[in-house]
């Protein structure tokens, strides 16, 4: 990581211990919730694709949407509390990635 890259985060809120013991705190519970939701959305996505019955597919899609919403809420809460940090990327790297992948659009069967 470059020295001039900055973190995108809110100030950490709440009283988390400086030295962490084996007990779970609020950040641990939210992190576990977010990790579980991520795993579940991946699994429900595959199950929905492979559901052979239309009503089962519809039920799985509803569960998938609700699980994604729960993951988003957990992420937003962690970010607001300063417990989830993002790395800012350099504009040059963003431009390079855009150029690389925008060229792929000509390979799509639709325009």
PDB file of N, CA and C in Angstrom:
ATOM      1  N   UNK A   1       0.851  -1.180   0.000  1.00  0.00           N
ATOM      2  CA  UNK A   1       0.000   0.000   0.000  1.00  0.00           C
ATOM      3  C   UNK A   1       0.892   1.237   0.000  1.00  0.00           C
ATOM      4  N   UNK A   2       0.531   2.189  -0.829  1.00  0.00           N
ATOM      5  CA  UNK A   2       1.308   3.429  -0.916  1.00  0.00           C
ATOM      6  C   UNK A   2       1.117   4.251   0.349  1.00  0.00           C
ATOM      7  N   UNK A   3       2.131   4.998   0.683  1.00  0.00           N
ATOM      8  CA  UNK A   3       2.090   5.795   1.913  1.00  0.00           C
ATOM      9  C   UNK A   3       1.031   6.877   1.844  1.00  0.00           C
ATOM     10  N   UNK A   4       0.701   7.347   0.633  1.00  0.00           N
ATOM     11  CA  UNK A   4      -0.268   8.437   0.533  1.00  0.00           C
ATOM     12  C   UNK A   4      -1.704   7.950   0.425  1.00  0.00           C
ATOM     13  N   UNK A   5      -1.918   6.628   0.426  1.00  0.00           N
ATOM     14  CA  UNK A   5      -3.284   6.130   0.382  1.00  0.00           C
ATOM     15  C   UNK A   5      -3.954   6.375   1.721  1.00  0.00           C
ATOM     16  N   UNK A   6      -5.204   6.757   1.658  1.00  0.00           N
ATOM     17  CA  UNK A   6      -5.909   7.046   2.900  1.00  0.00           C
ATOM     18  C   UNK A   6      -6.984   6.005   3.156  1.00  0.00           C
ATOM     19  N   UNK A   7      -7.366   5.925   4.402  1.00  0.00           N
ATOM     20  CA  UNK A   7      -8.432   5.028   4.809  1.00  0.00           C
ATOM     21  C   UNK A   7      -9.750   5.787   4.767  1.00  0.00           C
ATOM     22  N   UNK A   8     -10.779   5.083   4.358  1.00  0.00           N
ATOM     23  CA  UNK A   8     -12.124   5.644   4.364  1.00  0.00           C
ATOM     24  C   UNK A   8     -12.830   4.996   5.545  1.00  0.00           C
ATOM     25  N   UNK A   9     -13.076   5.769   6.580  1.00  0.00           N
ATOM     26  CA  UNK A   9     -13.673   5.228   7.792  1.00  0.00           C
ATOM     27  C   UNK A   9     -14.221   6.351   8.645  1.00  0.00           C
ATOM     28  N   UNK A  10     -15.164   5.991   9.464  1.00  0.00           N
ATOM     29  CA  UNK A  10     -15.664   6.904  10.482  1.00  0.00           C
ATOM     30  C   UNK A  10     -14.840   6.704  11.741  1.00  0.00           C
ATOM     31  N   UNK A  11     -14.834   7.684  12.641  1.00  0.00           N
ATOM     32  CA  UNK A  11     -14.131   7.478  13.912  1.00  0.00           C
ATOM     33  C   UNK A  11     -14.758   6.307  14.661  1.00  0.00           C
ATOM     34  N   UNK A  12     -13.936   5.513  15.304  1.00  0.00           N
ATOM     35  CA  UNK A  12     -14.445   4.369  16.039  1.00  0.00           C
ATOM     36  C   UNK A  12     -15.265   4.838  17.226  1.00  0.00           C
ATOM     37  N   UNK A  13     -16.447   4.261  17.349  1.00  0.00           N
ATOM     38  CA  UNK A  13     -17.317   4.636  18.468  1.00  0.00           C
ATOM     39  C   UNK A  13     -17.523   3.427  19.367  1.00  0.00           C
ATOM     40  N   UNK A  14     -18.059   3.659  20.529  1.00  0.00           N
ATOM     41  CA  UNK A  14     -18.283   2.575  21.467  1.00  0.00           C
ATOM     42  C   UNK A  14     -17.039   2.337  22.300  1.00  0.00           C
ATOM     43  N   UNK A  15     -17.209   1.578  23.332  1.00  0.00           N
ATOM     44  CA  UNK A  15     -16.073   1.319  24.222  1.00  0.00           C
ATOM     45  C   UNK A  15     -15.599  -0.109  24.010  1.00  0.00           C
ATOM     46  N   UNK A  16     -14.611  -0.265  23.140  1.00  0.00           N
ATOM     47  CA  UNK A  16     -14.007  -1.568  22.910  1.00  0.00           C
ATOM     48  C   UNK A  16     -12.757  -1.666  23.762  1.00  0.00           C
ATOM     49  N   UNK A  17     -12.491  -2.848  24.319  1.00  0.00           N
ATOM     50  CA  UNK A  17     -11.306  -3.000  25.169  1.00  0.00           C
ATOM     51  C   UNK A  17     -10.025  -2.854  24.352  1.00  0.00           C
ATOM     52  N   UNK A  18      -8.992  -2.278  24.960  1.00  0.00           N
ATOM     53  CA  UNK A  18      -7.698  -2.136  24.301  1.00  0.00           C
ATOM     54  C   UNK A  18      -7.043  -3.501  24.108  1.00  0.00           C
ATOM     55  N   UNK A  19      -7.164  -4.363  25.102  1.00  0.00           N
ATOM     56  CA  UNK A  19      -6.654  -5.726  25.014  1.00  0.00           C
ATOM     57  C   UNK A  19      -7.863  -6.645  24.993  1.00  0.00           C
ATOM     58  N   UNK A  20      -7.988  -7.385  23.915  1.00  0.00           N
ATOM     59  CA  UNK A  20      -9.182  -8.202  23.705  1.00  0.00           C
ATOM     60  C   UNK A  20      -9.039  -9.549  24.394  1.00  0.00           C
ATOM     61  N   UNK A  21     -10.045  -9.923  25.153  1.00  0.00           N
ATOM     62  CA  UNK A  21     -10.108 -11.240  25.781  1.00  0.00           C
ATOM     63  C   UNK A  21     -10.899 -12.192  24.903  1.00  0.00           C
ATOM     64  N   UNK A  22     -11.236 -13.366  25.415  1.00  0.00           N
ATOM     65  CA  UNK A  22     -11.943 -14.366  24.607  1.00  0.00           C
ATOM     66  C   UNK A  22     -13.436 -14.060  24.413  1.00  0.00           C
ATOM     67  N   UNK A  23     -13.978 -13.159  25.221  1.00  0.00           N
ATOM     68  CA  UNK A  23     -15.407 -12.864  25.110  1.00  0.00           C
ATOM     69  C   UNK A  23     -15.677 -11.991  23.881  1.00  0.00           C
ATOM     70  N   UNK A  24     -16.878 -12.165  23.317  1.00  0.00           N
ATOM     71  CA  UNK A  24     -17.250 -11.394  22.123  1.00  0.00           C
ATOM     72  C   UNK A  24     -17.827 -10.044  22.542  1.00  0.00           C
ATOM     73  N   UNK A  25     -17.457  -8.993  21.822  1.00  0.00           N
ATOM     74  CA  UNK A  25     -18.034  -7.676  22.058  1.00  0.00           C
ATOM     75  C   UNK A  25     -18.950  -7.337  20.890  1.00  0.00           C
ATOM     76  N   UNK A  26     -19.520  -6.137  20.895  1.00  0.00           N
ATOM     77  CA  UNK A  26     -20.472  -5.753  19.850  1.00  0.00           C
ATOM     78  C   UNK A  26     -19.850  -5.821  18.460  1.00  0.00           C
ATOM     79  N   UNK A  27     -18.611  -5.384  18.333  1.00  0.00           N
ATOM     80  CA  UNK A  27     -17.938  -5.441  17.031  1.00  0.00           C
ATOM     81  C   UNK A  27     -17.794  -6.885  16.563  1.00  0.00           C
ATOM     82  N   UNK A  28     -17.450  -7.791  17.465  1.00  0.00           N
ATOM     83  CA  UNK A  28     -17.316  -9.210  17.112  1.00  0.00           C
ATOM     84  C   UNK A  28     -18.653  -9.787  16.633  1.00  0.00           C
ATOM     85  N   UNK A  29     -19.721  -9.455  17.351  1.00  0.00           N
ATOM     86  CA  UNK A  29     -21.046  -9.963  16.966  1.00  0.00           C
ATOM     87  C   UNK A  29     -21.457  -9.443  15.591  1.00  0.00           C
ATOM     88  N   UNK A  30     -21.229  -8.157  15.348  1.00  0.00           N
ATOM     89  CA  UNK A  30     -21.575  -7.597  14.035  1.00  0.00           C
ATOM     90  C   UNK A  30     -20.696  -8.188  12.935  1.00  0.00           C
ATOM     91  N   UNK A  31     -19.428  -8.361  13.201  1.00  0.00           N
ATOM     92  CA  UNK A  31     -18.529  -8.960  12.228  1.00  0.00           C
ATOM     93  C   UNK A  31     -18.965 -10.389  11.909  1.00  0.00           C
ATOM     94  N   UNK A  32     -19.355 -11.141  12.922  1.00  0.00           N
ATOM     95  CA  UNK A  32     -19.842 -12.502  12.722  1.00  0.00           C
ATOM     96  C   UNK A  32     -21.135 -12.490  11.908  1.00  0.00           C
ATOM     97  N   UNK A  33     -22.016 -11.554  12.213  1.00  0.00           N
ATOM     98  CA  UNK A  33     -23.268 -11.412  11.472  1.00  0.00           C
ATOM     99  C   UNK A  33     -22.992 -11.123   9.994  1.00  0.00           C
ATOM    100  N   UNK A  34     -22.100 -10.187   9.729  1.00  0.00           N
ATOM    101  CA  UNK A  34     -21.771  -9.829   8.353  1.00  0.00           C
ATOM    102  C   UNK A  34     -21.133 -11.006   7.619  1.00  0.00           C
ATOM    103  N   UNK A  35     -20.210 -11.693   8.249  1.00  0.00           N
ATOM    104  CA  UNK A  35     -19.569 -12.855   7.624  1.00  0.00           C
ATOM    105  C   UNK A  35     -20.579 -13.955   7.321  1.00  0.00           C
ATOM    106  N   UNK A  36     -21.481 -14.201   8.251  1.00  0.00           N
ATOM    107  CA  UNK A  36     -22.509 -15.224   8.053  1.00  0.00           C
ATOM    108  C   UNK A  36     -23.442 -14.836   6.902  1.00  0.00           C
ATOM    109  N   UNK A  37     -23.846 -13.575   6.864  1.00  0.00           N
ATOM    110  CA  UNK A  37     -24.724 -13.110   5.776  1.00  0.00           C
ATOM    111  C   UNK A  37     -24.034 -13.235   4.424  1.00  0.00           C
ATOM    112  N   UNK A  38     -22.749 -12.922   4.360  1.00  0.00           N
ATOM    113  CA  UNK A  38     -22.008 -13.065   3.105  1.00  0.00           C
ATOM    114  C   UNK A  38     -21.999 -14.519   2.651  1.00  0.00           C
ATOM    115  N   UNK A  39     -21.737 -15.414   3.573  1.00  0.00           N
ATOM    116  CA  UNK A  39     -21.718 -16.838   3.242  1.00  0.00           C
ATOM    117  C   UNK A  39     -23.108 -17.301   2.795  1.00  0.00           C
ATOM    118  N   UNK A  40     -24.139 -16.889   3.532  1.00  0.00           N
ATOM    119  CA  UNK A  40     -25.501 -17.298   3.183  1.00  0.00           C
ATOM    120  C   UNK A  40     -25.938 -16.766   1.828  1.00  0.00           C
ATOM    121  N   UNK A  41     -25.600 -15.500   1.512  1.00  0.00           N
ATOM    122  CA  UNK A  41     -26.019 -14.966   0.216  1.00  0.00           C
ATOM    123  C   UNK A  41     -25.349 -15.738  -0.921  1.00  0.00           C
ATOM    124  N   UNK A  42     -24.098 -16.115  -0.756  1.00  0.00           N
ATOM    125  CA  UNK A  42     -23.449 -16.935  -1.784  1.00  0.00           C
ATOM    126  C   UNK A  42     -24.167 -18.273  -1.941  1.00  0.00           C
ATOM    127  N   UNK A  43     -24.508 -18.897  -0.838  1.00  0.00           N
ATOM    128  CA  UNK A  43     -25.179 -20.199  -0.887  1.00  0.00           C
ATOM    129  C   UNK A  43     -26.594 -20.086  -1.450  1.00  0.00           C
ATOM    130  N   UNK A  44     -27.346 -19.082  -1.005  1.00  0.00           N
ATOM    131  CA  UNK A  44     -28.710 -18.901  -1.524  1.00  0.00           C
ATOM    132  C   UNK A  44     -28.697 -18.539  -3.008  1.00  0.00           C
ATOM    133  N   UNK A  45     -27.693 -17.816  -3.450  1.00  0.00           N
ATOM    134  CA  UNK A  45     -27.584 -17.472  -4.861  1.00  0.00           C
ATOM    135  C   UNK A  45     -27.449 -18.743  -5.705  1.00  0.00           C
ATOM    136  N   UNK A  46     -26.588 -19.651  -5.293  1.00  0.00           N
ATOM    137  CA  UNK A  46     -26.413 -20.914  -6.012  1.00  0.00           C
ATOM    138  C   UNK A  46     -27.698 -21.736  -5.946  1.00  0.00           C
ATOM    139  N   UNK A  47     -28.297 -21.821  -4.761  1.00  0.00           N
ATOM    140  CA  UNK A  47     -29.528 -22.599  -4.611  1.00  0.00           C
ATOM    141  C   UNK A  47     -30.645 -22.051  -5.501  1.00  0.00           C
ATOM    142  N   UNK A  48     -30.754 -20.726  -5.597  1.00  0.00           N
ATOM    143  CA  UNK A  48     -31.798 -20.121  -6.433  1.00  0.00           C
ATOM    144  C   UNK A  48     -31.563 -20.446  -7.905  1.00  0.00           C
ATOM    145  N   UNK A  49     -30.325 -20.398  -8.345  1.00  0.00           N
ATOM    146  CA  UNK A  49     -30.010 -20.758  -9.734  1.00  0.00           C
ATOM    147  C   UNK A  49     -30.409 -22.195 -10.035  1.00  0.00           C
ATOM    148  N   UNK A  50     -30.198 -23.071  -9.064  1.00  0.00           N
ATOM    149  CA  UNK A  50     -30.372 -24.498  -9.308  1.00  0.00           C
ATOM    150  C   UNK A  50     -31.733 -25.032  -8.875  1.00  0.00           C
ATOM    151  N   UNK A  51     -32.613 -24.181  -8.389  1.00  0.00           N
ATOM    152  CA  UNK A  51     -33.937 -24.639  -7.960  1.00  0.00           C
ATOM    153  C   UNK A  51     -34.739 -25.088  -9.176  1.00  0.00           C
ATOM    154  N   UNK A  52     -35.258 -26.288  -9.107  1.00  0.00           N
ATOM    155  CA  UNK A  52     -35.988 -26.835 -10.255  1.00  0.00           C
ATOM    156  C   UNK A  52     -37.480 -26.518 -10.207  1.00  0.00           C
ATOM    157  N   UNK A  53     -37.961 -26.040  -9.098  1.00  0.00           N
ATOM    158  CA  UNK A  53     -39.387 -25.741  -8.945  1.00  0.00           C
ATOM    159  C   UNK A  53     -39.563 -24.230  -8.815  1.00  0.00           C
ATOM    160  N   UNK A  54     -40.507 -23.670  -9.535  1.00  0.00           N
ATOM    161  CA  UNK A  54     -40.681 -22.218  -9.577  1.00  0.00           C
ATOM    162  C   UNK A  54     -40.982 -21.614  -8.205  1.00  0.00           C
ATOM    163  N   UNK A  55     -41.846 -22.256  -7.420  1.00  0.00           N
ATOM    164  CA  UNK A  55     -42.172 -21.699  -6.101  1.00  0.00           C
ATOM    165  C   UNK A  55     -40.964 -21.760  -5.162  1.00  0.00           C
ATOM    166  N   UNK A  56     -40.196 -22.832  -5.259  1.00  0.00           N
ATOM    167  CA  UNK A  56     -38.967 -22.925  -4.459  1.00  0.00           C
ATOM    168  C   UNK A  56     -38.004 -21.817  -4.881  1.00  0.00           C
ATOM    169  N   UNK A  57     -37.871 -21.600  -6.172  1.00  0.00           N
ATOM    170  CA  UNK A  57     -37.008 -20.526  -6.684  1.00  0.00           C
ATOM    171  C   UNK A  57     -37.459 -19.173  -6.136  1.00  0.00           C
ATOM    172  N   UNK A  58     -38.758 -18.919  -6.169  1.00  0.00           N
ATOM    173  CA  UNK A  58     -39.284 -17.638  -5.669  1.00  0.00           C
ATOM    174  C   UNK A  58     -38.992 -17.471  -4.182  1.00  0.00           C
ATOM    175  N   UNK A  59     -39.180 -18.542  -3.407  1.00  0.00           N
ATOM    176  CA  UNK A  59     -38.894 -18.475  -1.967  1.00  0.00           C
ATOM    177  C   UNK A  59     -37.406 -18.214  -1.715  1.00  0.00           C
ATOM    178  N   UNK A  60     -36.547 -18.914  -2.453  1.00  0.00           N
ATOM    179  CA  UNK A  60     -35.109 -18.712  -2.289  1.00  0.00           C
ATOM    180  C   UNK A  60     -34.697 -17.304  -2.677  1.00  0.00           C
ATOM    181  N   UNK A  61     -35.302 -16.754  -3.722  1.00  0.00           N
ATOM    182  CA  UNK A  61     -34.993 -15.382  -4.128  1.00  0.00           C
ATOM    183  C   UNK A  61     -35.395 -14.390  -3.040  1.00  0.00           C
ATOM    184  N   UNK A  62     -36.543 -14.613  -2.415  1.00  0.00           N
ATOM    185  CA  UNK A  62     -36.977 -13.725  -1.334  1.00  0.00           C
ATOM    186  C   UNK A  62     -36.016 -13.802  -0.149  1.00  0.00           C
ATOM    187  N   UNK A  63     -35.610 -15.014   0.195  1.00  0.00           N
ATOM    188  CA  UNK A  63     -34.649 -15.190   1.294  1.00  0.00           C
ATOM    189  C   UNK A  63     -33.319 -14.539   0.941  1.00  0.00           C
ATOM    190  N   UNK A  64     -32.878 -14.699  -0.315  1.00  0.00           N
ATOM    191  CA  UNK A  64     -31.633 -14.091  -0.777  1.00  0.00           C
ATOM    192  C   UNK A  64     -31.686 -12.578  -0.629  1.00  0.00           C
ATOM    193  N   UNK A  65     -32.780 -11.969  -1.061  1.00  0.00           N
ATOM    194  CA  UNK A  65     -32.929 -10.511  -0.958  1.00  0.00           C
ATOM    195  C   UNK A  65     -32.902 -10.067   0.505  1.00  0.00           C
ATOM    196  N   UNK A  66     -33.610 -10.768   1.366  1.00  0.00           N
ATOM    197  CA  UNK A  66     -33.641 -10.406   2.781  1.00  0.00           C
ATOM    198  C   UNK A  66     -32.263 -10.570   3.426  1.00  0.00           C
ATOM    199  N   UNK A  67     -31.546 -11.603   3.035  1.00  0.00           N
ATOM    200  CA  UNK A  67     -30.210 -11.838   3.586  1.00  0.00           C
ATOM    201  C   UNK A  67     -29.240 -10.765   3.104  1.00  0.00           C
ATOM    202  N   UNK A  68     -29.352 -10.364   1.835  1.00  0.00           N
ATOM    203  CA  UNK A  68     -28.513  -9.278   1.326  1.00  0.00           C
ATOM    204  C   UNK A  68     -28.815  -7.970   2.059  1.00  0.00           C
ATOM    205  N   UNK A  69     -30.088  -7.723   2.330  1.00  0.00           N
ATOM    206  CA  UNK A  69     -30.448  -6.509   3.076  1.00  0.00           C
ATOM    207  C   UNK A  69     -29.878  -6.548   4.487  1.00  0.00           C
ATOM    208  N   UNK A  70     -29.917  -7.703   5.121  1.00  0.00           N
ATOM    209  CA  UNK A  70     -29.336  -7.838   6.464  1.00  0.00           C
ATOM    210  C   UNK A  70     -27.830  -7.601   6.433  1.00  0.00           C
ATOM    211  N   UNK A  71     -27.164  -8.128   5.416  1.00  0.00           N
ATOM    212  CA  UNK A  71     -25.719  -7.913   5.289  1.00  0.00           C
ATOM    213  C   UNK A  71     -25.424  -6.433   5.099  1.00  0.00           C
ATOM    214  N   UNK A  72     -26.217  -5.770   4.281  1.00  0.00           N
ATOM    215  CA  UNK A  72     -26.000  -4.338   4.033  1.00  0.00           C
ATOM    216  C   UNK A  72     -26.199  -3.539   5.324  1.00  0.00           C
ATOM    217  N   UNK A  73     -27.227  -3.876   6.089  1.00  0.00           N
ATOM    218  CA  UNK A  73     -27.478  -3.179   7.355  1.00  0.00           C
ATOM    219  C   UNK A  73     -26.334  -3.397   8.340  1.00  0.00           C
ATOM    220  N   UNK A  74     -25.813  -4.628   8.413  1.00  0.00           N
ATOM    221  CA  UNK A  74     -24.684  -4.906   9.309  1.00  0.00           C
ATOM    222  C   UNK A  74     -23.448  -4.126   8.855  1.00  0.00           C
ATOM    223  N   UNK A  75     -23.197  -4.113   7.547  1.00  0.00           N
ATOM    224  CA  UNK A  75     -22.055  -3.356   7.013  1.00  0.00           C
ATOM    225  C   UNK A  75     -22.194  -1.875   7.337  1.00  0.00           C
ATOM    226  N   UNK A  76     -23.375  -1.304   7.083  1.00  0.00           N
ATOM    227  CA  UNK A  76     -23.573   0.125   7.329  1.00  0.00           C
ATOM    228  C   UNK A  76     -23.396   0.473   8.801  1.00  0.00           C
ATOM    229  N   UNK A  77     -23.887  -0.385   9.682  1.00  0.00           N
ATOM    230  CA  UNK A  77     -23.729  -0.136  11.115  1.00  0.00           C
ATOM    231  C   UNK A  77     -22.251  -0.216  11.512  1.00  0.00           C
ATOM    232  N   UNK A  78     -21.551  -1.218  11.007  1.00  0.00           N
ATOM    233  CA  UNK A  78     -20.120  -1.333  11.313  1.00  0.00           C
ATOM    234  C   UNK A  78     -19.356  -0.132  10.775  1.00  0.00           C
ATOM    235  N   UNK A  79     -19.696   0.320   9.572  1.00  0.00           N
ATOM    236  CA  UNK A  79     -19.011   1.473   8.984  1.00  0.00           C
ATOM    237  C   UNK A  79     -19.296   2.736   9.794  1.00  0.00           C
ATOM    238  N   UNK A  80     -20.561   2.934  10.185  1.00  0.00           N
ATOM    239  CA  UNK A  80     -20.913   4.115  10.997  1.00  0.00           C
ATOM    240  C   UNK A  80     -20.146   4.142  12.310  1.00  0.00           C
ATOM    241  N   UNK A  81     -19.941   2.963  12.904  1.00  0.00           N
ATOM    242  CA  UNK A  81     -19.244   2.889  14.193  1.00  0.00           C
ATOM    243  C   UNK A  81     -17.723   2.898  14.041  1.00  0.00           C
ATOM    244  N   UNK A  82     -17.235   2.934  12.798  1.00  0.00           N
ATOM    245  CA  UNK A  82     -15.794   2.946  12.579  1.00  0.00           C
ATOM    246  C   UNK A  82     -15.156   1.579  12.684  1.00  0.00           C
ATOM    247  N   UNK A  83     -15.951   0.515  12.614  1.00  0.00           N
ATOM    248  CA  UNK A  83     -15.438  -0.841  12.749  1.00  0.00           C
ATOM    249  C   UNK A  83     -15.195  -1.504  11.397  1.00  0.00           C
ATOM    250  N   UNK A  84     -15.453  -0.821  10.317  1.00  0.00           N
ATOM    251  CA  UNK A  84     -15.226  -1.351   8.972  1.00  0.00           C
ATOM    252  C   UNK A  84     -14.552  -0.254   8.185  1.00  0.00           C
ATOM    253  N   UNK A  85     -13.332  -0.517   7.750  1.00  0.00           N
ATOM    254  CA  UNK A  85     -12.549   0.499   7.056  1.00  0.00           C
ATOM    255  C   UNK A  85     -12.311   0.070   5.621  1.00  0.00           C
ATOM    256  N   UNK A  86     -12.249   1.034   4.728  1.00  0.00           N
ATOM    257  CA  UNK A  86     -11.980   0.799   3.316  1.00  0.00           C
ATOM    258  C   UNK A  86     -10.694   1.524   2.941  1.00  0.00           C
ATOM    259  N   UNK A  87     -10.002   1.010   1.971  1.00  0.00           N
ATOM    260  CA  UNK A  87      -8.802   1.655   1.463  1.00  0.00           C
ATOM    261  C   UNK A  87      -9.167   2.492   0.246  1.00  0.00           C
ATOM    262  N   UNK A  88      -8.759   3.745   0.231  1.00  0.00           N
ATOM    263  CA  UNK A  88      -8.966   4.594  -0.936  1.00  0.00           C
ATOM    264  C   UNK A  88      -7.981   4.165  -2.016  1.00  0.00           C
ATOM    265  N   UNK A  89      -8.451   4.082  -3.241  1.00  0.00           N
ATOM    266  CA  UNK A  89      -7.579   3.686  -4.349  1.00  0.00           C
ATOM    267  C   UNK A  89      -7.133   4.915  -5.117  1.00  0.00           C
ATOM    268  N   UNK A  90      -5.968   4.827  -5.700  1.00  0.00           N
ATOM    269  CA  UNK A  90      -5.441   5.929  -6.493  1.00  0.00           C
ATOM    270  C   UNK A  90      -6.249   6.060  -7.784  1.00  0.00           C
ATOM    271  N   UNK A  91      -6.490   7.292  -8.199  1.00  0.00           N
ATOM    272  CA  UNK A  91      -7.291   7.542  -9.396  1.00  0.00           C
ATOM    273  C   UNK A  91      -6.680   6.871 -10.626  1.00  0.00           C
ATOM    274  N   UNK A  92      -5.365   6.848 -10.720  1.00  0.00           N
ATOM    275  CA  UNK A  92      -4.695   6.237 -11.870  1.00  0.00           C
ATOM    276  C   UNK A  92      -5.047   4.747 -11.989  1.00  0.00           C
ATOM    277  N   UNK A  93      -5.086   4.042 -10.856  1.00  0.00           N
ATOM    278  CA  UNK A  93      -5.427   2.614 -10.876  1.00  0.00           C
ATOM    279  C   UNK A  93      -6.897   2.416 -11.257  1.00  0.00           C
ATOM    280  N   UNK A  94      -7.763   3.306 -10.789  1.00  0.00           N
ATOM    281  CA  UNK A  94      -9.175   3.235 -11.175  1.00  0.00           C
ATOM    282  C   UNK A  94      -9.331   3.446 -12.677  1.00  0.00           C
ATOM    283  N   UNK A  95      -8.625   4.425 -13.211  1.00  0.00           N
ATOM    284  CA  UNK A  95      -8.690   4.705 -14.649  1.00  0.00           C
ATOM    285  C   UNK A  95      -8.176   3.523 -15.467  1.00  0.00           C
ATOM    286  N   UNK A  96      -7.100   2.892 -15.004  1.00  0.00           N
ATOM    287  CA  UNK A  96      -6.551   1.732 -15.713  1.00  0.00           C
ATOM    288  C   UNK A  96      -7.539   0.570 -15.720  1.00  0.00           C
ATOM    289  N   UNK A  97      -8.161   0.313 -14.580  1.00  0.00           N
ATOM    290  CA  UNK A  97      -9.137  -0.775 -14.509  1.00  0.00           C
ATOM    291  C   UNK A  97     -10.337  -0.476 -15.398  1.00  0.00           C
ATOM    292  N   UNK A  98     -10.771   0.775 -15.408  1.00  0.00           N
ATOM    293  CA  UNK A  98     -11.898   1.155 -16.260  1.00  0.00           C
ATOM    294  C   UNK A  98     -11.553   0.925 -17.729  1.00  0.00           C
ATOM    295  N   UNK A  99     -10.380   1.341 -18.136  1.00  0.00           N
ATOM    296  CA  UNK A  99      -9.956   1.154 -19.520  1.00  0.00           C
ATOM    297  C   UNK A  99      -9.885  -0.335 -19.871  1.00  0.00           C
ATOM    298  N   UNK A 100      -9.330  -1.124 -18.976  1.00  0.00           N
ATOM    299  CA  UNK A 100      -9.193  -2.554 -19.227  1.00  0.00           C
ATOM    300  C   UNK A 100     -10.552  -3.215 -19.419  1.00  0.00           C
ATOM    301  N   UNK A 101     -11.479  -2.948 -18.520  1.00  0.00           N
ATOM    302  CA  UNK A 101     -12.749  -3.658 -18.553  1.00  0.00           C
ATOM    303  C   UNK A 101     -13.766  -3.024 -19.495  1.00  0.00           C
ATOM    304  N   UNK A 102     -13.636  -1.750 -19.796  1.00  0.00           N
ATOM    305  CA  UNK A 102     -14.581  -1.146 -20.741  1.00  0.00           C
ATOM    306  C   UNK A 102     -14.360  -1.712 -22.138  1.00  0.00           C
ATOM    307  N   UNK A 103     -13.137  -2.165 -22.444  1.00  0.00           N
ATOM    308  CA  UNK A 103     -12.870  -2.801 -23.726  1.00  0.00           C
ATOM    309  C   UNK A 103     -13.580  -4.138 -23.874  1.00  0.00           C
ATOM    310  N   UNK A 104     -13.883  -4.786 -22.760  1.00  0.00           N
ATOM    311  CA  UNK A 104     -14.558  -6.079 -22.804  1.00  0.00           C
ATOM    312  C   UNK A 104     -16.000  -5.961 -23.291  1.00  0.00           C
ATOM    313  N   UNK A 105     -16.595  -4.793 -23.160  1.00  0.00           N
ATOM    314  CA  UNK A 105     -18.007  -4.647 -23.514  1.00  0.00           C
ATOM    315  C   UNK A 105     -18.260  -4.946 -24.987  1.00  0.00           C
ATOM    316  N   UNK A 106     -17.254  -4.785 -25.834  1.00  0.00           N
ATOM    317  CA  UNK A 106     -17.434  -5.101 -27.241  1.00  0.00           C
ATOM    318  C   UNK A 106     -17.602  -6.591 -27.477  1.00  0.00           C
ATOM    319  N   UNK A 107     -17.262  -7.413 -26.490  1.00  0.00           N
ATOM    320  CA  UNK A 107     -17.389  -8.863 -26.611  1.00  0.00           C
ATOM    321  C   UNK A 107     -18.774  -9.362 -26.190  1.00  0.00           C
ATOM    322  N   UNK A 108     -19.586  -8.507 -25.587  1.00  0.00           N
ATOM    323  CA  UNK A 108     -20.911  -8.922 -25.149  1.00  0.00           C
ATOM    324  C   UNK A 108     -21.826  -9.102 -26.364  1.00  0.00           C
ATOM    325  N   UNK A 109     -22.751 -10.051 -26.267  1.00  0.00           N
ATOM    326  CA  UNK A 109     -23.648 -10.304 -27.393  1.00  0.00           C
ATOM    327  C   UNK A 109     -24.735  -9.233 -27.551  1.00  0.00           C
ATOM    328  N   UNK A 110     -24.833  -8.319 -26.634  1.00  0.00           N
ATOM    329  CA  UNK A 110     -25.822  -7.239 -26.699  1.00  0.00           C
ATOM    330  C   UNK A 110     -25.107  -5.905 -26.529  1.00  0.00           C
ATOM    331  N   UNK A 111     -25.714  -4.836 -26.968  1.00  0.00           N
ATOM    332  CA  UNK A 111     -25.047  -3.535 -26.879  1.00  0.00           C
ATOM    333  C   UNK A 111     -25.914  -2.526 -26.200  1.00  0.00           C
TER     334      UNK A 111
END
